[in-house]
Amino acid sequence: MLRLPLPILLPMLDSNADPDIDEEIIVDKLLYGSFDVKAAITGNSGATSYESGGYGIRLENGSLLGLLLDAGGNITLNRWESYVLEIYDVASVDLVPDGLAGTTSANFDVDLKLDETAGNEYQGDSLNITFSFTLNQHSSQ
């Protein structure tokens, strides 16, 4: 069985908006399975990592989770694209408990919304988002 670490996430943005629309796009929901990644980040902004329910989160460079938040306490794409977010299994620190075999799946849910206070200057603008998921085979395989 191939055993892989949980996702390492980095959004890449391409926008035709001026001013830059990624400052106005808010992460409304961020779940890995039933683990509420958004709540873990917003509720632990002064920490460099957080663990609960068998999962943990951290920024790749060891920075405070709060760096993902804007002044209003929202995770914006503008902030997120500057950091690599790691989600990991607490028991093994880097492995999905049962690995990701041929029939195994891992659900990752992200809902985004335009900030309600964003002005009309964004009407007609578009945004393309590419998420990079990096999975590495465990060295024991």
N, C-alpha and C. Protein backbone atom coordinates (compact mmCIF):
# COMPACT_ATOMS: atom_id res chain seq x y z
N MET A 1 0.84 -1.17 0.00
CA MET A 1 0.00 0.00 0.00
C MET A 1 0.90 1.24 0.00
N LEU A 2 0.58 2.18 -0.82
CA LEU A 2 1.29 3.44 -0.88
C LEU A 2 0.82 4.34 0.26
N ARG A 3 1.72 4.77 1.12
CA ARG A 3 1.38 5.65 2.23
C ARG A 3 1.89 7.04 1.91
N LEU A 4 0.98 8.00 1.97
CA LEU A 4 1.31 9.36 1.56
C LEU A 4 1.01 10.35 2.67
N PRO A 5 1.79 11.43 2.76
CA PRO A 5 1.43 12.48 3.70
C PRO A 5 0.19 13.20 3.19
N LEU A 6 -0.49 13.86 4.09
CA LEU A 6 -1.66 14.64 3.71
C LEU A 6 -1.27 15.79 2.81
N PRO A 7 -2.22 16.47 2.23
CA PRO A 7 -1.92 17.50 1.24
C PRO A 7 -1.09 18.65 1.77
N ILE A 8 -0.25 19.13 0.92
CA ILE A 8 0.43 20.39 1.12
C ILE A 8 -0.18 21.31 0.08
N LEU A 9 -0.80 22.39 0.52
CA LEU A 9 -1.65 23.19 -0.35
C LEU A 9 -1.09 24.56 -0.62
N LEU A 10 -1.11 24.95 -1.87
CA LEU A 10 -0.69 26.28 -2.27
C LEU A 10 -1.53 26.72 -3.46
N PRO A 11 -2.36 27.76 -3.28
CA PRO A 11 -3.13 28.23 -4.43
C PRO A 11 -2.29 29.13 -5.33
N MET A 12 -2.48 29.01 -6.62
CA MET A 12 -1.86 29.90 -7.61
C MET A 12 -2.99 30.65 -8.30
N LEU A 13 -2.86 31.97 -8.38
CA LEU A 13 -3.94 32.79 -8.88
C LEU A 13 -3.56 33.48 -10.18
N ASP A 14 -4.54 33.61 -11.05
CA ASP A 14 -4.38 34.35 -12.29
C ASP A 14 -5.64 35.20 -12.45
N SER A 15 -5.48 36.51 -12.38
CA SER A 15 -6.64 37.40 -12.39
C SER A 15 -6.45 38.51 -13.40
N ASN A 16 -7.56 38.93 -14.00
CA ASN A 16 -7.50 40.09 -14.89
C ASN A 16 -7.96 41.35 -14.18
N ALA A 17 -8.19 41.26 -12.88
CA ALA A 17 -8.75 42.37 -12.12
C ALA A 17 -7.70 43.41 -11.75
N ASP A 18 -8.10 44.66 -11.80
CA ASP A 18 -7.28 45.77 -11.32
C ASP A 18 -8.21 46.75 -10.64
N PRO A 19 -8.21 46.87 -9.34
CA PRO A 19 -7.24 46.32 -8.39
C PRO A 19 -7.36 44.80 -8.25
N ASP A 20 -6.35 44.22 -7.60
CA ASP A 20 -6.22 42.78 -7.49
C ASP A 20 -7.39 42.17 -6.71
N ILE A 21 -8.14 41.29 -7.34
CA ILE A 21 -9.35 40.73 -6.74
C ILE A 21 -9.05 39.71 -5.64
N ASP A 22 -7.85 39.12 -5.62
CA ASP A 22 -7.58 38.08 -4.62
C ASP A 22 -7.63 38.60 -3.19
N GLU A 23 -7.52 39.92 -3.01
CA GLU A 23 -7.65 40.51 -1.68
C GLU A 23 -9.10 40.49 -1.21
N GLU A 24 -10.03 40.32 -2.14
CA GLU A 24 -11.46 40.35 -1.82
C GLU A 24 -12.10 38.96 -1.81
N ILE A 25 -11.34 37.93 -2.17
CA ILE A 25 -11.86 36.57 -2.17
C ILE A 25 -11.55 35.94 -0.81
N ILE A 26 -12.60 35.54 -0.11
CA ILE A 26 -12.49 35.00 1.25
C ILE A 26 -12.76 33.50 1.23
N VAL A 27 -11.97 32.77 2.00
CA VAL A 27 -12.20 31.33 2.18
C VAL A 27 -13.37 31.19 3.16
N ASP A 28 -14.49 30.70 2.67
CA ASP A 28 -15.70 30.56 3.48
C ASP A 28 -15.75 29.21 4.19
N LYS A 29 -15.20 28.18 3.54
CA LYS A 29 -15.14 26.84 4.12
C LYS A 29 -13.85 26.18 3.67
N LEU A 30 -13.17 25.50 4.60
CA LEU A 30 -11.94 24.78 4.29
C LEU A 30 -11.92 23.53 5.16
N LEU A 31 -12.28 22.39 4.55
CA LEU A 31 -12.38 21.13 5.27
C LEU A 31 -11.49 20.07 4.64
N TYR A 32 -10.84 19.27 5.50
CA TYR A 32 -10.19 18.05 5.03
C TYR A 32 -10.93 16.92 5.72
N GLY A 33 -11.79 16.22 4.98
CA GLY A 33 -12.71 15.26 5.60
C GLY A 33 -13.61 16.02 6.55
N SER A 34 -13.62 15.64 7.82
CA SER A 34 -14.43 16.35 8.81
C SER A 34 -13.59 17.36 9.61
N PHE A 35 -12.30 17.46 9.32
CA PHE A 35 -11.42 18.38 10.03
C PHE A 35 -11.61 19.79 9.47
N ASP A 36 -12.06 20.71 10.32
CA ASP A 36 -12.33 22.09 9.92
C ASP A 36 -11.03 22.90 9.97
N VAL A 37 -10.36 22.94 8.85
CA VAL A 37 -9.06 23.61 8.74
C VAL A 37 -9.22 25.11 8.97
N LYS A 38 -10.27 25.70 8.43
CA LYS A 38 -10.50 27.14 8.59
C LYS A 38 -10.65 27.50 10.07
N ALA A 39 -11.47 26.76 10.79
CA ALA A 39 -11.66 27.02 12.22
C ALA A 39 -10.36 26.83 13.00
N ALA A 40 -9.58 25.85 12.60
CA ALA A 40 -8.30 25.61 13.27
C ALA A 40 -7.35 26.80 13.08
N ILE A 41 -7.36 27.37 11.89
CA ILE A 41 -6.50 28.53 11.62
C ILE A 41 -7.00 29.76 12.35
N THR A 42 -8.29 30.08 12.20
CA THR A 42 -8.81 31.31 12.80
C THR A 42 -8.83 31.24 14.32
N GLY A 43 -9.03 30.05 14.88
CA GLY A 43 -9.07 29.90 16.32
C GLY A 43 -7.71 29.79 16.99
N ASN A 44 -6.67 29.66 16.20
CA ASN A 44 -5.32 29.46 16.75
C ASN A 44 -4.31 30.33 16.02
N SER A 45 -4.68 31.55 15.74
CA SER A 45 -3.85 32.44 14.91
C SER A 45 -2.51 32.78 15.54
N GLY A 46 -2.40 32.66 16.86
CA GLY A 46 -1.14 32.97 17.53
C GLY A 46 -0.20 31.78 17.64
N ALA A 47 -0.61 30.64 17.10
CA ALA A 47 0.20 29.42 17.18
C ALA A 47 0.88 29.14 15.84
N THR A 48 1.94 28.35 15.89
CA THR A 48 2.62 27.94 14.66
C THR A 48 2.06 26.63 14.12
N SER A 49 1.29 25.92 14.95
CA SER A 49 0.63 24.69 14.51
C SER A 49 -0.55 24.44 15.43
N TYR A 50 -1.42 23.54 14.99
CA TYR A 50 -2.59 23.17 15.79
C TYR A 50 -2.93 21.73 15.47
N GLU A 51 -3.29 20.95 16.52
CA GLU A 51 -3.65 19.55 16.34
C GLU A 51 -4.96 19.26 17.08
N SER A 52 -5.84 18.52 16.41
CA SER A 52 -7.12 18.14 17.01
C SER A 52 -7.73 17.01 16.20
N GLY A 53 -8.37 16.07 16.90
CA GLY A 53 -9.10 15.00 16.22
C GLY A 53 -8.24 14.14 15.31
N GLY A 54 -6.96 14.04 15.59
CA GLY A 54 -6.07 13.20 14.80
C GLY A 54 -5.37 13.91 13.66
N TYR A 55 -5.71 15.19 13.42
CA TYR A 55 -5.08 15.95 12.34
C TYR A 55 -4.40 17.19 12.89
N GLY A 56 -3.48 17.71 12.11
CA GLY A 56 -2.80 18.94 12.48
C GLY A 56 -2.58 19.82 11.27
N ILE A 57 -2.31 21.09 11.54
CA ILE A 57 -1.99 22.04 10.48
C ILE A 57 -0.78 22.85 10.90
N ARG A 58 -0.05 23.30 9.90
CA ARG A 58 1.10 24.18 10.12
C ARG A 58 1.43 24.83 8.79
N LEU A 59 2.15 25.93 8.86
CA LEU A 59 2.69 26.53 7.65
C LEU A 59 4.07 25.94 7.44
N GLU A 60 4.41 25.69 6.20
CA GLU A 60 5.66 25.02 5.88
C GLU A 60 6.88 25.73 6.47
N ASN A 61 6.85 27.05 6.52
CA ASN A 61 8.00 27.79 7.01
C ASN A 61 7.98 28.01 8.52
N GLY A 62 7.02 27.43 9.24
CA GLY A 62 6.96 27.54 10.70
C GLY A 62 6.39 28.85 11.21
N SER A 63 5.81 29.65 10.34
CA SER A 63 5.24 30.94 10.74
C SER A 63 3.94 30.75 11.51
N LEU A 64 3.48 31.83 12.12
CA LEU A 64 2.20 31.82 12.83
C LEU A 64 1.05 31.59 11.85
N LEU A 65 0.08 30.80 12.25
CA LEU A 65 -1.09 30.54 11.42
C LEU A 65 -1.83 31.84 11.11
N GLY A 66 -1.76 32.80 12.01
CA GLY A 66 -2.44 34.08 11.83
C GLY A 66 -1.97 34.88 10.63
N LEU A 67 -0.82 34.53 10.06
CA LEU A 67 -0.36 35.24 8.86
C LEU A 67 -1.27 34.98 7.67
N LEU A 68 -2.10 33.94 7.75
CA LEU A 68 -3.07 33.68 6.69
C LEU A 68 -4.30 34.59 6.79
N LEU A 69 -4.42 35.34 7.88
CA LEU A 69 -5.62 36.14 8.14
C LEU A 69 -5.39 37.61 7.80
N ASP A 70 -6.44 38.24 7.24
CA ASP A 70 -6.38 39.68 7.01
C ASP A 70 -6.79 40.42 8.28
N ALA A 71 -6.89 41.73 8.23
CA ALA A 71 -7.22 42.53 9.41
C ALA A 71 -8.60 42.19 9.96
N GLY A 72 -9.50 41.70 9.12
CA GLY A 72 -10.84 41.33 9.55
C GLY A 72 -10.94 39.90 10.07
N GLY A 73 -9.82 39.18 10.13
CA GLY A 73 -9.82 37.81 10.62
C GLY A 73 -10.23 36.79 9.57
N ASN A 74 -10.22 37.17 8.31
CA ASN A 74 -10.59 36.27 7.21
C ASN A 74 -9.35 35.72 6.53
N ILE A 75 -9.45 34.48 6.05
CA ILE A 75 -8.41 33.91 5.20
C ILE A 75 -8.73 34.39 3.79
N THR A 76 -7.86 35.20 3.23
CA THR A 76 -8.06 35.67 1.85
C THR A 76 -7.08 34.94 0.94
N LEU A 77 -7.44 34.87 -0.33
CA LEU A 77 -6.52 34.23 -1.29
C LEU A 77 -5.22 35.00 -1.38
N ASN A 78 -5.28 36.32 -1.21
CA ASN A 78 -4.08 37.14 -1.23
C ASN A 78 -3.09 36.68 -0.17
N ARG A 79 -3.58 36.37 1.03
CA ARG A 79 -2.70 35.89 2.10
C ARG A 79 -2.25 34.46 1.86
N TRP A 80 -3.21 33.61 1.46
CA TRP A 80 -2.93 32.20 1.35
C TRP A 80 -1.90 31.90 0.27
N GLU A 81 -1.90 32.65 -0.82
CA GLU A 81 -0.97 32.33 -1.90
C GLU A 81 0.49 32.60 -1.51
N SER A 82 0.71 33.24 -0.38
CA SER A 82 2.07 33.52 0.09
C SER A 82 2.64 32.44 0.98
N TYR A 83 1.81 31.46 1.37
CA TYR A 83 2.25 30.44 2.32
C TYR A 83 1.83 29.05 1.87
N VAL A 84 2.62 28.05 2.21
CA VAL A 84 2.28 26.66 1.96
C VAL A 84 1.66 26.11 3.25
N LEU A 85 0.41 25.65 3.14
CA LEU A 85 -0.31 25.10 4.27
C LEU A 85 -0.17 23.58 4.26
N GLU A 86 0.29 23.02 5.38
CA GLU A 86 0.44 21.57 5.50
C GLU A 86 -0.63 21.04 6.44
N ILE A 87 -1.28 19.96 6.03
CA ILE A 87 -2.24 19.24 6.85
C ILE A 87 -1.65 17.86 7.07
N TYR A 88 -1.59 17.42 8.34
CA TYR A 88 -0.90 16.16 8.60
C TYR A 88 -1.66 15.32 9.62
N ASP A 89 -1.34 14.03 9.64
CA ASP A 89 -1.89 13.09 10.61
C ASP A 89 -1.04 13.17 11.87
N VAL A 90 -1.68 13.39 13.01
CA VAL A 90 -0.96 13.59 14.27
C VAL A 90 -0.20 12.34 14.70
N ALA A 91 -0.79 11.17 14.54
CA ALA A 91 -0.17 9.93 15.03
C ALA A 91 1.18 9.67 14.38
N SER A 92 1.27 9.92 13.09
CA SER A 92 2.52 9.62 12.39
C SER A 92 3.22 10.89 11.93
N VAL A 93 2.65 12.03 12.20
CA VAL A 93 3.14 13.36 11.85
C VAL A 93 3.08 13.62 10.35
N ASP A 94 3.22 12.60 9.54
CA ASP A 94 3.23 12.89 8.11
C ASP A 94 2.47 11.88 7.25
N LEU A 95 1.79 10.90 7.86
CA LEU A 95 1.17 9.87 7.04
C LEU A 95 -0.34 9.83 7.22
N VAL A 96 -1.04 9.60 6.13
CA VAL A 96 -2.46 9.27 6.21
C VAL A 96 -2.53 7.92 6.91
N PRO A 97 -3.39 7.74 7.94
CA PRO A 97 -3.37 6.51 8.73
C PRO A 97 -3.38 5.22 7.93
N ASP A 98 -4.21 5.13 6.93
CA ASP A 98 -4.30 3.90 6.15
C ASP A 98 -3.69 4.04 4.77
N GLY A 99 -2.99 5.12 4.54
CA GLY A 99 -2.42 5.35 3.22
C GLY A 99 -3.50 5.71 2.22
N LEU A 100 -3.11 5.96 1.02
CA LEU A 100 -4.05 6.21 -0.06
C LEU A 100 -3.85 5.11 -1.10
N ALA A 101 -4.61 4.04 -0.94
CA ALA A 101 -4.54 2.92 -1.87
C ALA A 101 -5.51 3.18 -3.02
N GLY A 102 -5.58 2.26 -3.95
CA GLY A 102 -6.36 2.44 -5.16
C GLY A 102 -7.81 2.85 -4.94
N THR A 103 -8.48 2.33 -3.93
CA THR A 103 -9.89 2.66 -3.71
C THR A 103 -10.10 3.66 -2.59
N THR A 104 -9.03 4.15 -1.99
CA THR A 104 -9.13 5.10 -0.89
C THR A 104 -9.25 6.51 -1.46
N SER A 105 -10.03 7.33 -0.77
CA SER A 105 -10.15 8.72 -1.21
C SER A 105 -9.95 9.65 -0.02
N ALA A 106 -9.64 10.86 -0.32
CA ALA A 106 -9.50 11.91 0.69
C ALA A 106 -10.23 13.14 0.17
N ASN A 107 -11.25 13.58 0.90
CA ASN A 107 -12.04 14.73 0.46
C ASN A 107 -11.48 16.03 1.00
N PHE A 108 -11.38 16.99 0.12
CA PHE A 108 -10.93 18.32 0.49
C PHE A 108 -11.95 19.30 -0.07
N ASP A 109 -12.60 20.07 0.80
CA ASP A 109 -13.66 20.99 0.40
C ASP A 109 -13.25 22.42 0.68
N VAL A 110 -13.36 23.25 -0.36
CA VAL A 110 -13.06 24.68 -0.23
C VAL A 110 -14.23 25.46 -0.84
N ASP A 111 -14.80 26.37 -0.05
CA ASP A 111 -15.80 27.31 -0.56
C ASP A 111 -15.20 28.70 -0.48
N LEU A 112 -15.31 29.43 -1.57
CA LEU A 112 -14.80 30.80 -1.64
C LEU A 112 -15.95 31.75 -1.88
N LYS A 113 -15.82 32.99 -1.41
CA LYS A 113 -16.83 34.00 -1.68
C LYS A 113 -16.17 35.35 -1.85
N LEU A 114 -16.86 36.22 -2.56
CA LEU A 114 -16.42 37.60 -2.71
C LEU A 114 -16.85 38.36 -1.46
N ASP A 115 -15.93 39.08 -0.86
CA ASP A 115 -16.23 39.87 0.33
C ASP A 115 -17.43 40.78 0.05
N GLU A 116 -18.40 40.78 0.96
CA GLU A 116 -19.61 41.58 0.78
C GLU A 116 -19.32 43.07 0.69
N THR A 117 -18.18 43.50 1.21
CA THR A 117 -17.83 44.93 1.20
C THR A 117 -17.04 45.32 -0.04
N ALA A 118 -16.78 44.36 -0.92
CA ALA A 118 -16.02 44.67 -2.15
C ALA A 118 -16.83 45.64 -3.02
N GLY A 119 -16.15 46.56 -3.62
CA GLY A 119 -16.81 47.57 -4.44
C GLY A 119 -17.19 47.06 -5.82
N ASN A 120 -17.87 47.91 -6.57
CA ASN A 120 -18.35 47.56 -7.91
C ASN A 120 -17.23 47.46 -8.94
N GLU A 121 -16.02 47.89 -8.59
CA GLU A 121 -14.93 47.86 -9.56
C GLU A 121 -14.55 46.44 -9.99
N TYR A 122 -15.07 45.42 -9.29
CA TYR A 122 -14.75 44.04 -9.64
C TYR A 122 -15.78 43.42 -10.58
N GLN A 123 -16.86 44.11 -10.88
CA GLN A 123 -17.87 43.55 -11.77
C GLN A 123 -17.25 43.26 -13.14
N GLY A 124 -17.50 42.07 -13.63
CA GLY A 124 -16.97 41.65 -14.93
C GLY A 124 -15.57 41.08 -14.87
N ASP A 125 -14.92 41.12 -13.73
CA ASP A 125 -13.58 40.57 -13.59
C ASP A 125 -13.65 39.04 -13.43
N SER A 126 -12.55 38.39 -13.68
CA SER A 126 -12.50 36.94 -13.52
C SER A 126 -11.25 36.54 -12.74
N LEU A 127 -11.27 35.32 -12.26
CA LEU A 127 -10.17 34.80 -11.46
C LEU A 127 -10.05 33.31 -11.72
N ASN A 128 -8.86 32.85 -12.06
CA ASN A 128 -8.57 31.43 -12.20
C ASN A 128 -7.69 31.01 -11.04
N ILE A 129 -8.04 29.90 -10.40
CA ILE A 129 -7.29 29.43 -9.24
C ILE A 129 -6.82 28.00 -9.51
N THR A 130 -5.56 27.75 -9.30
CA THR A 130 -5.00 26.41 -9.39
C THR A 130 -4.44 26.05 -8.02
N PHE A 131 -4.92 24.96 -7.43
CA PHE A 131 -4.38 24.48 -6.17
C PHE A 131 -3.35 23.41 -6.45
N SER A 132 -2.21 23.51 -5.81
CA SER A 132 -1.18 22.49 -5.93
C SER A 132 -1.25 21.59 -4.71
N PHE A 133 -1.39 20.28 -4.94
CA PHE A 133 -1.37 19.28 -3.89
C PHE A 133 -0.09 18.48 -4.07
N THR A 134 0.74 18.48 -3.07
CA THR A 134 1.99 17.73 -3.14
C THR A 134 1.88 16.53 -2.20
N LEU A 135 2.02 15.33 -2.75
CA LEU A 135 2.02 14.10 -1.97
C LEU A 135 3.32 13.37 -2.24
N ASN A 136 3.94 12.88 -1.20
CA ASN A 136 5.20 12.17 -1.35
C ASN A 136 5.09 10.79 -0.74
N GLN A 137 5.64 9.81 -1.42
CA GLN A 137 5.64 8.46 -0.88
C GLN A 137 6.55 8.42 0.33
N HIS A 138 6.10 7.73 1.37
CA HIS A 138 6.90 7.59 2.58
C HIS A 138 8.19 6.85 2.28
N SER A 139 9.28 7.23 2.92
CA SER A 139 10.60 6.67 2.63
C SER A 139 10.68 5.17 2.93
N SER A 140 9.76 4.64 3.75
CA SER A 140 9.80 3.21 4.07
C SER A 140 9.20 2.34 2.95
N GLN A 141 8.64 2.94 1.93
CA GLN A 141 7.97 2.20 0.85
C GLN A 141 8.95 1.82 -0.24
